[in-house]
Amino acid sequence: MFYQIRYQTGEIEDMVAEMRKGSIPCMDVDDMDEFNWVVNKLEEYNIYLAKNIPLDRNARDRVNEPEFEFRAAFSSGKDSENNLMYIDFYFEPYVEEDYDPIFGD
């Protein structure tokens, strides 16, 4: 059975340590606003989003992992594409807030 750790936004330091070891950590975020928050937080650790590298939506099998959103590339220097590090981002599943009654309640 495949087991992976999905970091939460409060575990940035642990995720940075994994990235610096060469691993591709996975992170749960709710939406693009939270993704942007993570990007800003990583800048405090001198890790910057590689803006010239597009988000890779095909990096993982979306049939087996439907909550996978994209893989983002990061670098240890602003506007640099050297020494790339990656994070796989997973968005929380969208929950429909309004359901039609089944029995006409």
PDB file of N, CA and C in Angstrom:
ATOM      1  N   MET A   1       0.826  -1.168   0.000  1.00  0.00           N
ATOM      2  CA  MET A   1       0.000   0.000   0.000  1.00  0.00           C
ATOM      3  C   MET A   1       0.882   1.248   0.000  1.00  0.00           C
ATOM      4  N   PHE A   2       0.513   2.232  -0.810  1.00  0.00           N
ATOM      5  CA  PHE A   2       1.261   3.473  -0.936  1.00  0.00           C
ATOM      6  C   PHE A   2       0.857   4.419   0.181  1.00  0.00           C
ATOM      7  N   TYR A   3       1.839   4.965   0.882  1.00  0.00           N
ATOM      8  CA  TYR A   3       1.567   5.887   1.976  1.00  0.00           C
ATOM      9  C   TYR A   3       2.363   7.158   1.746  1.00  0.00           C
ATOM     10  N   GLN A   4       1.705   8.272   1.846  1.00  0.00           N
ATOM     11  CA  GLN A   4       2.404   9.542   1.725  1.00  0.00           C
ATOM     12  C   GLN A   4       1.915  10.498   2.803  1.00  0.00           C
ATOM     13  N   ILE A   5       2.801  11.345   3.230  1.00  0.00           N
ATOM     14  CA  ILE A   5       2.448  12.373   4.205  1.00  0.00           C
ATOM     15  C   ILE A   5       1.996  13.593   3.434  1.00  0.00           C
ATOM     16  N   ARG A   6       0.871  14.142   3.835  1.00  0.00           N
ATOM     17  CA  ARG A   6       0.420  15.414   3.265  1.00  0.00           C
ATOM     18  C   ARG A   6       0.523  16.455   4.351  1.00  0.00           C
ATOM     19  N   TYR A   7       1.421  17.384   4.121  1.00  0.00           N
ATOM     20  CA  TYR A   7       1.633  18.443   5.094  1.00  0.00           C
ATOM     21  C   TYR A   7       0.474  19.431   5.092  1.00  0.00           C
ATOM     22  N   GLN A   8       0.265  20.040   6.240  1.00  0.00           N
ATOM     23  CA  GLN A   8      -0.720  21.098   6.399  1.00  0.00           C
ATOM     24  C   GLN A   8       0.028  22.429   6.434  1.00  0.00           C
ATOM     25  N   THR A   9      -0.703  23.520   6.319  1.00  0.00           N
ATOM     26  CA  THR A   9      -0.049  24.830   6.238  1.00  0.00           C
ATOM     27  C   THR A   9       0.764  25.165   7.487  1.00  0.00           C
ATOM     28  N   GLY A  10       0.450  24.580   8.623  1.00  0.00           N
ATOM     29  CA  GLY A  10       1.208  24.837   9.842  1.00  0.00           C
ATOM     30  C   GLY A  10       2.512  24.066   9.933  1.00  0.00           C
ATOM     31  N   GLU A  11       2.792  23.240   8.933  1.00  0.00           N
ATOM     32  CA  GLU A  11       3.990  22.392   8.955  1.00  0.00           C
ATOM     33  C   GLU A  11       5.013  22.817   7.903  1.00  0.00           C
ATOM     34  N   ILE A  12       5.117  24.115   7.673  1.00  0.00           N
ATOM     35  CA  ILE A  12       6.008  24.635   6.632  1.00  0.00           C
ATOM     36  C   ILE A  12       7.464  24.232   6.884  1.00  0.00           C
ATOM     37  N   GLU A  13       7.922  24.328   8.125  1.00  0.00           N
ATOM     38  CA  GLU A  13       9.326  23.992   8.420  1.00  0.00           C
ATOM     39  C   GLU A  13       9.646  22.546   8.075  1.00  0.00           C
ATOM     40  N   ASP A  14       8.748  21.628   8.412  1.00  0.00           N
ATOM     41  CA  ASP A  14       8.965  20.216   8.093  1.00  0.00           C
ATOM     42  C   ASP A  14       9.002  20.004   6.585  1.00  0.00           C
ATOM     43  N   MET A  15       8.120  20.692   5.881  1.00  0.00           N
ATOM     44  CA  MET A  15       8.064  20.556   4.426  1.00  0.00           C
ATOM     45  C   MET A  15       9.334  21.114   3.785  1.00  0.00           C
ATOM     46  N   VAL A  16       9.820  22.239   4.283  1.00  0.00           N
ATOM     47  CA  VAL A  16      11.058  22.827   3.762  1.00  0.00           C
ATOM     48  C   VAL A  16      12.217  21.851   3.960  1.00  0.00           C
ATOM     49  N   ALA A  17      12.277  21.202   5.107  1.00  0.00           N
ATOM     50  CA  ALA A  17      13.339  20.219   5.360  1.00  0.00           C
ATOM     51  C   ALA A  17      13.277  19.080   4.347  1.00  0.00           C
ATOM     52  N   GLU A  18      12.078  18.608   4.037  1.00  0.00           N
ATOM     53  CA  GLU A  18      11.921  17.539   3.038  1.00  0.00           C
ATOM     54  C   GLU A  18      12.365  18.021   1.658  1.00  0.00           C
ATOM     55  N   MET A  19      11.988  19.242   1.299  1.00  0.00           N
ATOM     56  CA  MET A  19      12.384  19.794  -0.002  1.00  0.00           C
ATOM     57  C   MET A  19      13.905  19.876  -0.117  1.00  0.00           C
ATOM     58  N   ARG A  20      14.551  20.299   0.930  1.00  0.00           N
ATOM     59  CA  ARG A  20      16.002  20.464   0.889  1.00  0.00           C
ATOM     60  C   ARG A  20      16.727  19.126   0.851  1.00  0.00           C
ATOM     61  N   LYS A  21      16.040  18.044   1.257  1.00  0.00           N
ATOM     62  CA  LYS A  21      16.610  16.691   1.143  1.00  0.00           C
ATOM     63  C   LYS A  21      16.452  16.146  -0.269  1.00  0.00           C
ATOM     64  N   GLY A  22      15.673  16.834  -1.105  1.00  0.00           N
ATOM     65  CA  GLY A  22      15.451  16.372  -2.469  1.00  0.00           C
ATOM     66  C   GLY A  22      14.134  15.650  -2.668  1.00  0.00           C
ATOM     67  N   SER A  23      13.327  15.574  -1.634  1.00  0.00           N
ATOM     68  CA  SER A  23      12.017  14.932  -1.757  1.00  0.00           C
ATOM     69  C   SER A  23      11.014  15.895  -2.368  1.00  0.00           C
ATOM     70  N   ILE A  24       9.907  15.343  -2.839  1.00  0.00           N
ATOM     71  CA  ILE A  24       8.789  16.154  -3.323  1.00  0.00           C
ATOM     72  C   ILE A  24       7.660  15.983  -2.321  1.00  0.00           C
ATOM     73  N   PRO A  25       7.556  16.910  -1.366  1.00  0.00           N
ATOM     74  CA  PRO A  25       6.492  16.786  -0.367  1.00  0.00           C
ATOM     75  C   PRO A  25       5.123  17.101  -0.961  1.00  0.00           C
ATOM     76  N   CYS A  26       4.100  16.637  -0.286  1.00  0.00           N
ATOM     77  CA  CYS A  26       2.719  16.886  -0.679  1.00  0.00           C
ATOM     78  C   CYS A  26       2.094  17.805   0.358  1.00  0.00           C
ATOM     79  N   MET A  27       1.247  18.719  -0.104  1.00  0.00           N
ATOM     80  CA  MET A  27       0.617  19.655   0.815  1.00  0.00           C
ATOM     81  C   MET A  27      -0.854  19.813   0.479  1.00  0.00           C
ATOM     82  N   ASP A  28      -1.682  19.793   1.522  1.00  0.00           N
ATOM     83  CA  ASP A  28      -3.108  20.070   1.386  1.00  0.00           C
ATOM     84  C   ASP A  28      -3.342  21.561   1.519  1.00  0.00           C
ATOM     85  N   VAL A  29      -4.050  22.131   0.564  1.00  0.00           N
ATOM     86  CA  VAL A  29      -4.494  23.523   0.657  1.00  0.00           C
ATOM     87  C   VAL A  29      -5.961  23.562   0.228  1.00  0.00           C
ATOM     88  N   ASP A  30      -6.657  24.599   0.661  1.00  0.00           N
ATOM     89  CA  ASP A  30      -8.079  24.697   0.347  1.00  0.00           C
ATOM     90  C   ASP A  30      -8.343  25.284  -1.032  1.00  0.00           C
ATOM     91  N   ASP A  31      -7.521  26.247  -1.441  1.00  0.00           N
ATOM     92  CA  ASP A  31      -7.788  26.957  -2.687  1.00  0.00           C
ATOM     93  C   ASP A  31      -6.541  27.730  -3.104  1.00  0.00           C
ATOM     94  N   MET A  32      -6.660  28.527  -4.173  1.00  0.00           N
ATOM     95  CA  MET A  32      -5.512  29.282  -4.671  1.00  0.00           C
ATOM     96  C   MET A  32      -5.085  30.370  -3.687  1.00  0.00           C
ATOM     97  N   ASP A  33      -5.996  30.896  -2.903  1.00  0.00           N
ATOM     98  CA  ASP A  33      -5.610  31.888  -1.892  1.00  0.00           C
ATOM     99  C   ASP A  33      -4.655  31.269  -0.876  1.00  0.00           C
ATOM    100  N   GLU A  34      -4.975  30.053  -0.432  1.00  0.00           N
ATOM    101  CA  GLU A  34      -4.100  29.387   0.526  1.00  0.00           C
ATOM    102  C   GLU A  34      -2.782  28.976  -0.136  1.00  0.00           C
ATOM    103  N   PHE A  35      -2.827  28.582  -1.399  1.00  0.00           N
ATOM    104  CA  PHE A  35      -1.599  28.290  -2.149  1.00  0.00           C
ATOM    105  C   PHE A  35      -0.692  29.525  -2.166  1.00  0.00           C
ATOM    106  N   ASN A  36      -1.254  30.691  -2.469  1.00  0.00           N
ATOM    107  CA  ASN A  36      -0.476  31.929  -2.496  1.00  0.00           C
ATOM    108  C   ASN A  36       0.077  32.266  -1.112  1.00  0.00           C
ATOM    109  N   TRP A  37      -0.671  31.952  -0.063  1.00  0.00           N
ATOM    110  CA  TRP A  37      -0.174  32.150   1.297  1.00  0.00           C
ATOM    111  C   TRP A  37       1.062  31.280   1.542  1.00  0.00           C
ATOM    112  N   VAL A  38       0.998  30.028   1.092  1.00  0.00           N
ATOM    113  CA  VAL A  38       2.138  29.112   1.253  1.00  0.00           C
ATOM    114  C   VAL A  38       3.347  29.641   0.483  1.00  0.00           C
ATOM    115  N   VAL A  39       3.122  30.118  -0.739  1.00  0.00           N
ATOM    116  CA  VAL A  39       4.219  30.676  -1.538  1.00  0.00           C
ATOM    117  C   VAL A  39       4.872  31.833  -0.795  1.00  0.00           C
ATOM    118  N   ASN A  40       4.074  32.725  -0.233  1.00  0.00           N
ATOM    119  CA  ASN A  40       4.625  33.858   0.527  1.00  0.00           C
ATOM    120  C   ASN A  40       5.365  33.389   1.772  1.00  0.00           C
ATOM    121  N   LYS A  41       4.846  32.375   2.438  1.00  0.00           N
ATOM    122  CA  LYS A  41       5.492  31.837   3.641  1.00  0.00           C
ATOM    123  C   LYS A  41       6.845  31.195   3.290  1.00  0.00           C
ATOM    124  N   LEU A  42       6.906  30.498   2.157  1.00  0.00           N
ATOM    125  CA  LEU A  42       8.161  29.866   1.745  1.00  0.00           C
ATOM    126  C   LEU A  42       9.246  30.898   1.454  1.00  0.00           C
ATOM    127  N   GLU A  43       8.851  32.082   1.042  1.00  0.00           N
ATOM    128  CA  GLU A  43       9.836  33.128   0.779  1.00  0.00           C
ATOM    129  C   GLU A  43      10.596  33.512   2.054  1.00  0.00           C
ATOM    130  N   GLU A  44       9.979  33.314   3.214  1.00  0.00           N
ATOM    131  CA  GLU A  44      10.669  33.564   4.481  1.00  0.00           C
ATOM    132  C   GLU A  44      11.835  32.595   4.679  1.00  0.00           C
ATOM    133  N   TYR A  45      11.798  31.470   3.962  1.00  0.00           N
ATOM    134  CA  TYR A  45      12.859  30.456   4.027  1.00  0.00           C
ATOM    135  C   TYR A  45      13.755  30.521   2.782  1.00  0.00           C
ATOM    136  N   ASN A  46      13.657  31.628   2.042  1.00  0.00           N
ATOM    137  CA  ASN A  46      14.430  31.826   0.804  1.00  0.00           C
ATOM    138  C   ASN A  46      14.143  30.757  -0.236  1.00  0.00           C
ATOM    139  N   ILE A  47      12.882  30.382  -0.330  1.00  0.00           N
ATOM    140  CA  ILE A  47      12.414  29.452  -1.361  1.00  0.00           C
ATOM    141  C   ILE A  47      11.336  30.197  -2.140  1.00  0.00           C
ATOM    142  N   TYR A  48      11.552  30.303  -3.453  1.00  0.00           N
ATOM    143  CA  TYR A  48      10.700  31.145  -4.289  1.00  0.00           C
ATOM    144  C   TYR A  48      10.038  30.324  -5.389  1.00  0.00           C
ATOM    145  N   LEU A  49       8.807  30.677  -5.696  1.00  0.00           N
ATOM    146  CA  LEU A  49       8.090  30.039  -6.792  1.00  0.00           C
ATOM    147  C   LEU A  49       8.817  30.337  -8.096  1.00  0.00           C
ATOM    148  N   ALA A  50       9.090  29.305  -8.882  1.00  0.00           N
ATOM    149  CA  ALA A  50       9.715  29.478 -10.197  1.00  0.00           C
ATOM    150  C   ALA A  50       8.617  29.898 -11.165  1.00  0.00           C
ATOM    151  N   LYS A  51       8.483  31.190 -11.364  1.00  0.00           N
ATOM    152  CA  LYS A  51       7.349  31.747 -12.108  1.00  0.00           C
ATOM    153  C   LYS A  51       7.386  31.430 -13.593  1.00  0.00           C
ATOM    154  N   ASN A  52       8.555  31.096 -14.121  1.00  0.00           N
ATOM    155  CA  ASN A  52       8.659  30.780 -15.551  1.00  0.00           C
ATOM    156  C   ASN A  52       8.350  29.322 -15.858  1.00  0.00           C
ATOM    157  N   ILE A  53       8.132  28.527 -14.816  1.00  0.00           N
ATOM    158  CA  ILE A  53       7.809  27.112 -15.013  1.00  0.00           C
ATOM    159  C   ILE A  53       6.332  26.926 -14.689  1.00  0.00           C
ATOM    160  N   PRO A  54       5.542  26.485 -15.663  1.00  0.00           N
ATOM    161  CA  PRO A  54       4.101  26.363 -15.417  1.00  0.00           C
ATOM    162  C   PRO A  54       3.777  25.283 -14.378  1.00  0.00           C
ATOM    163  N   LEU A  55       2.652  25.463 -13.709  1.00  0.00           N
ATOM    164  CA  LEU A  55       2.163  24.452 -12.772  1.00  0.00           C
ATOM    165  C   LEU A  55       1.854  23.189 -13.552  1.00  0.00           C
ATOM    166  N   ASP A  56       2.346  22.055 -13.078  1.00  0.00           N
ATOM    167  CA  ASP A  56       2.189  20.785 -13.794  1.00  0.00           C
ATOM    168  C   ASP A  56       0.977  20.033 -13.253  1.00  0.00           C
ATOM    169  N   ARG A  57      -0.104  20.076 -13.990  1.00  0.00           N
ATOM    170  CA  ARG A  57      -1.349  19.417 -13.574  1.00  0.00           C
ATOM    171  C   ARG A  57      -1.357  17.928 -13.922  1.00  0.00           C
ATOM    172  N   ASN A  58      -0.345  17.469 -14.661  1.00  0.00           N
ATOM    173  CA  ASN A  58      -0.278  16.064 -15.072  1.00  0.00           C
ATOM    174  C   ASN A  58       0.854  15.305 -14.390  1.00  0.00           C
ATOM    175  N   ALA A  59       1.394  15.852 -13.317  1.00  0.00           N
ATOM    176  CA  ALA A  59       2.532  15.221 -12.639  1.00  0.00           C
ATOM    177  C   ALA A  59       2.145  13.935 -11.923  1.00  0.00           C
ATOM    178  N   ARG A  60       0.882  13.806 -11.559  1.00  0.00           N
ATOM    179  CA  ARG A  60       0.407  12.609 -10.852  1.00  0.00           C
ATOM    180  C   ARG A  60      -0.837  12.088 -11.552  1.00  0.00           C
ATOM    181  N   ASP A  61      -1.180  10.862 -11.238  1.00  0.00           N
ATOM    182  CA  ASP A  61      -2.352  10.219 -11.834  1.00  0.00           C
ATOM    183  C   ASP A  61      -3.623  10.766 -11.185  1.00  0.00           C
ATOM    184  N   ARG A  62      -4.348  11.596 -11.912  1.00  0.00           N
ATOM    185  CA  ARG A  62      -5.540  12.241 -11.351  1.00  0.00           C
ATOM    186  C   ARG A  62      -6.724  11.285 -11.243  1.00  0.00           C
ATOM    187  N   VAL A  63      -6.646  10.137 -11.878  1.00  0.00           N
ATOM    188  CA  VAL A  63      -7.711   9.142 -11.714  1.00  0.00           C
ATOM    189  C   VAL A  63      -7.600   8.520 -10.322  1.00  0.00           C
ATOM    190  N   ASN A  64      -6.379   8.158  -9.929  1.00  0.00           N
ATOM    191  CA  ASN A  64      -6.162   7.560  -8.609  1.00  0.00           C
ATOM    192  C   ASN A  64      -6.109   8.591  -7.491  1.00  0.00           C
ATOM    193  N   GLU A  65      -5.779   9.827  -7.831  1.00  0.00           N
ATOM    194  CA  GLU A  65      -5.684  10.896  -6.846  1.00  0.00           C
ATOM    195  C   GLU A  65      -6.463  12.119  -7.348  1.00  0.00           C
ATOM    196  N   PRO A  66      -7.791  12.053  -7.324  1.00  0.00           N
ATOM    197  CA  PRO A  66      -8.588  13.142  -7.912  1.00  0.00           C
ATOM    198  C   PRO A  66      -8.421  14.483  -7.207  1.00  0.00           C
ATOM    199  N   GLU A  67      -7.963  14.482  -5.973  1.00  0.00           N
ATOM    200  CA  GLU A  67      -7.786  15.743  -5.258  1.00  0.00           C
ATOM    201  C   GLU A  67      -6.446  16.424  -5.599  1.00  0.00           C
ATOM    202  N   PHE A  68      -5.569  15.730  -6.378  1.00  0.00           N
ATOM    203  CA  PHE A  68      -4.316  16.341  -6.817  1.00  0.00           C
ATOM    204  C   PHE A  68      -4.646  17.499  -7.743  1.00  0.00           C
ATOM    205  N   GLU A  69      -4.023  18.648  -7.473  1.00  0.00           N
ATOM    206  CA  GLU A  69      -4.287  19.839  -8.292  1.00  0.00           C
ATOM    207  C   GLU A  69      -3.125  20.133  -9.232  1.00  0.00           C
ATOM    208  N   PHE A  70      -1.899  20.249  -8.686  1.00  0.00           N
ATOM    209  CA  PHE A  70      -0.743  20.514  -9.542  1.00  0.00           C
ATOM    210  C   PHE A  70       0.554  20.357  -8.746  1.00  0.00           C
ATOM    211  N   ARG A  71       1.658  20.266  -9.497  1.00  0.00           N
ATOM    212  CA  ARG A  71       3.007  20.286  -8.929  1.00  0.00           C
ATOM    213  C   ARG A  71       3.601  21.650  -9.266  1.00  0.00           C
ATOM    214  N   ALA A  72       4.141  22.312  -8.262  1.00  0.00           N
ATOM    215  CA  ALA A  72       4.744  23.630  -8.455  1.00  0.00           C
ATOM    216  C   ALA A  72       6.246  23.536  -8.249  1.00  0.00           C
ATOM    217  N   ALA A  73       6.989  24.269  -9.073  1.00  0.00           N
ATOM    218  CA  ALA A  73       8.444  24.300  -8.984  1.00  0.00           C
ATOM    219  C   ALA A  73       8.881  25.511  -8.161  1.00  0.00           C
ATOM    220  N   PHE A  74       9.885  25.301  -7.331  1.00  0.00           N
ATOM    221  CA  PHE A  74      10.432  26.362  -6.489  1.00  0.00           C
ATOM    222  C   PHE A  74      11.948  26.367  -6.636  1.00  0.00           C
ATOM    223  N   SER A  75      12.547  27.510  -6.321  1.00  0.00           N
ATOM    224  CA  SER A  75      13.989  27.648  -6.415  1.00  0.00           C
ATOM    225  C   SER A  75      14.506  28.378  -5.175  1.00  0.00           C
ATOM    226  N   SER A  76      15.793  28.241  -4.935  1.00  0.00           N
ATOM    227  CA  SER A  76      16.385  28.905  -3.776  1.00  0.00           C
ATOM    228  C   SER A  76      16.796  30.343  -4.080  1.00  0.00           C
ATOM    229  N   GLY A  77      16.528  30.818  -5.280  1.00  0.00           N
ATOM    230  CA  GLY A  77      16.830  32.197  -5.635  1.00  0.00           C
ATOM    231  C   GLY A  77      15.678  32.820  -6.402  1.00  0.00           C
ATOM    232  N   LYS A  78      15.455  34.108  -6.179  1.00  0.00           N
ATOM    233  CA  LYS A  78      14.398  34.810  -6.905  1.00  0.00           C
ATOM    234  C   LYS A  78      14.711  34.805  -8.391  1.00  0.00           C
ATOM    235  N   ASP A  79      13.699  34.579  -9.206  1.00  0.00           N
ATOM    236  CA  ASP A  79      13.827  34.579 -10.670  1.00  0.00           C
ATOM    237  C   ASP A  79      14.909  33.619 -11.160  1.00  0.00           C
ATOM    238  N   SER A  80      15.109  32.531 -10.427  1.00  0.00           N
ATOM    239  CA  SER A  80      16.110  31.537 -10.796  1.00  0.00           C
ATOM    240  C   SER A  80      15.405  30.217 -11.118  1.00  0.00           C
ATOM    241  N   GLU A  81      16.017  29.476 -12.015  1.00  0.00           N
ATOM    242  CA  GLU A  81      15.510  28.136 -12.323  1.00  0.00           C
ATOM    243  C   GLU A  81      16.580  27.089 -12.019  1.00  0.00           C
ATOM    244  N   ASN A  82      17.511  27.436 -11.151  1.00  0.00           N
ATOM    245  CA  ASN A  82      18.559  26.507 -10.735  1.00  0.00           C
ATOM    246  C   ASN A  82      18.143  25.833  -9.435  1.00  0.00           C
ATOM    247  N   ASN A  83      18.647  24.630  -9.230  1.00  0.00           N
ATOM    248  CA  ASN A  83      18.374  23.877  -8.000  1.00  0.00           C
ATOM    249  C   ASN A  83      16.877  23.825  -7.690  1.00  0.00           C
ATOM    250  N   LEU A  84      16.130  23.333  -8.632  1.00  0.00           N
ATOM    251  CA  LEU A  84      14.678  23.301  -8.472  1.00  0.00           C
ATOM    252  C   LEU A  84      14.241  22.307  -7.407  1.00  0.00           C
ATOM    253  N   MET A  85      13.201  22.691  -6.697  1.00  0.00           N
ATOM    254  CA  MET A  85      12.534  21.853  -5.710  1.00  0.00           C
ATOM    255  C   MET A  85      11.050  21.881  -6.071  1.00  0.00           C
ATOM    256  N   TYR A  86      10.317  20.854  -5.675  1.00  0.00           N
ATOM    257  CA  TYR A  86       8.914  20.753  -6.063  1.00  0.00           C
ATOM    258  C   TYR A  86       8.028  20.447  -4.863  1.00  0.00           C
ATOM    259  N   ILE A  87       6.773  20.855  -4.981  1.00  0.00           N
ATOM    260  CA  ILE A  87       5.734  20.489  -4.020  1.00  0.00           C
ATOM    261  C   ILE A  87       4.511  20.066  -4.822  1.00  0.00           C
ATOM    262  N   ASP A  88       3.916  18.953  -4.435  1.00  0.00           N
ATOM    263  CA  ASP A  88       2.634  18.527  -5.012  1.00  0.00           C
ATOM    264  C   ASP A  88       1.526  19.082  -4.132  1.00  0.00           C
ATOM    265  N   PHE A  89       0.623  19.834  -4.742  1.00  0.00           N
ATOM    266  CA  PHE A  89      -0.477  20.446  -4.005  1.00  0.00           C
ATOM    267  C   PHE A  89      -1.769  19.683  -4.254  1.00  0.00           C
ATOM    268  N   TYR A  90      -2.473  19.459  -3.170  1.00  0.00           N
ATOM    269  CA  TYR A  90      -3.767  18.788  -3.205  1.00  0.00           C
ATOM    270  C   TYR A  90      -4.808  19.754  -2.657  1.00  0.00           C
ATOM    271  N   PHE A  91      -5.884  19.930  -3.401  1.00  0.00           N
ATOM    272  CA  PHE A  91      -6.967  20.794  -2.938  1.00  0.00           C
ATOM    273  C   PHE A  91      -8.003  19.925  -2.253  1.00  0.00           C
ATOM    274  N   GLU A  92      -8.610  20.483  -1.224  1.00  0.00           N
ATOM    275  CA  GLU A  92      -9.683  19.770  -0.544  1.00  0.00           C
ATOM    276  C   GLU A  92     -10.825  19.566  -1.521  1.00  0.00           C
ATOM    277  N   PRO A  93     -11.485  18.428  -1.469  1.00  0.00           N
ATOM    278  CA  PRO A  93     -12.594  18.190  -2.377  1.00  0.00           C
ATOM    279  C   PRO A  93     -13.701  19.225  -2.174  1.00  0.00           C
ATOM    280  N   TYR A  94     -14.277  19.640  -3.265  1.00  0.00           N
ATOM    281  CA  TYR A  94     -15.374  20.599  -3.208  1.00  0.00           C
ATOM    282  C   TYR A  94     -16.610  19.880  -2.683  1.00  0.00           C
ATOM    283  N   VAL A  95     -17.182  20.427  -1.648  1.00  0.00           N
ATOM    284  CA  VAL A  95     -18.387  19.839  -1.061  1.00  0.00           C
ATOM    285  C   VAL A  95     -19.568  20.710  -1.440  1.00  0.00           C
ATOM    286  N   GLU A  96     -20.514  20.100  -2.093  1.00  0.00           N
ATOM    287  CA  GLU A  96     -21.711  20.838  -2.477  1.00  0.00           C
ATOM    288  C   GLU A  96     -22.502  21.181  -1.227  1.00  0.00           C
ATOM    289  N   GLU A  97     -22.858  22.452  -1.082  1.00  0.00           N
ATOM    290  CA  GLU A  97     -23.508  22.893   0.147  1.00  0.00           C
ATOM    291  C   GLU A  97     -25.018  22.675   0.153  1.00  0.00           C
ATOM    292  N   ASP A  98     -25.610  22.565  -0.996  1.00  0.00           N
ATOM    293  CA  ASP A  98     -27.056  22.461  -1.059  1.00  0.00           C
ATOM    294  C   ASP A  98     -27.433  21.174  -1.796  1.00  0.00           C
ATOM    295  N   TYR A  99     -28.185  20.346  -1.135  1.00  0.00           N
ATOM    296  CA  TYR A  99     -28.621  19.091  -1.726  1.00  0.00           C
ATOM    297  C   TYR A  99     -30.134  19.108  -1.908  1.00  0.00           C
ATOM    298  N   ASP A 100     -30.584  18.515  -2.982  1.00  0.00           N
ATOM    299  CA  ASP A 100     -32.017  18.366  -3.175  1.00  0.00           C
ATOM    300  C   ASP A 100     -32.508  17.285  -2.232  1.00  0.00           C
ATOM    301  N   PRO A 101     -33.652  17.485  -1.640  1.00  0.00           N
ATOM    302  CA  PRO A 101     -34.175  16.449  -0.724  1.00  0.00           C
ATOM    303  C   PRO A 101     -34.496  15.157  -1.500  1.00  0.00           C
ATOM    304  N   ILE A 102     -34.175  14.042  -0.894  1.00  0.00           N
ATOM    305  CA  ILE A 102     -34.401  12.753  -1.531  1.00  0.00           C
ATOM    306  C   ILE A 102     -35.856  12.346  -1.438  1.00  0.00           C
ATOM    307  N   PHE A 103     -36.448  12.589  -0.313  1.00  0.00           N
ATOM    308  CA  PHE A 103     -37.813  12.134  -0.095  1.00  0.00           C
ATOM    309  C   PHE A 103     -38.827  13.283  -0.084  1.00  0.00           C
ATOM    310  N   GLY A 104     -38.477  14.399  -0.674  1.00  0.00           N
ATOM    311  CA  GLY A 104     -39.416  15.518  -0.744  1.00  0.00           C
ATOM    312  C   GLY A 104     -39.633  16.210   0.580  1.00  0.00           C
ATOM    313  N   ASP A 105     -38.631  16.162   1.474  1.00  0.00           N
ATOM    314  CA  ASP A 105     -38.776  16.794   2.786  1.00  0.00           C
ATOM    315  C   ASP A 105     -38.844  18.288   2.669  1.00  0.00           C
TER     316      ASP A 105
END
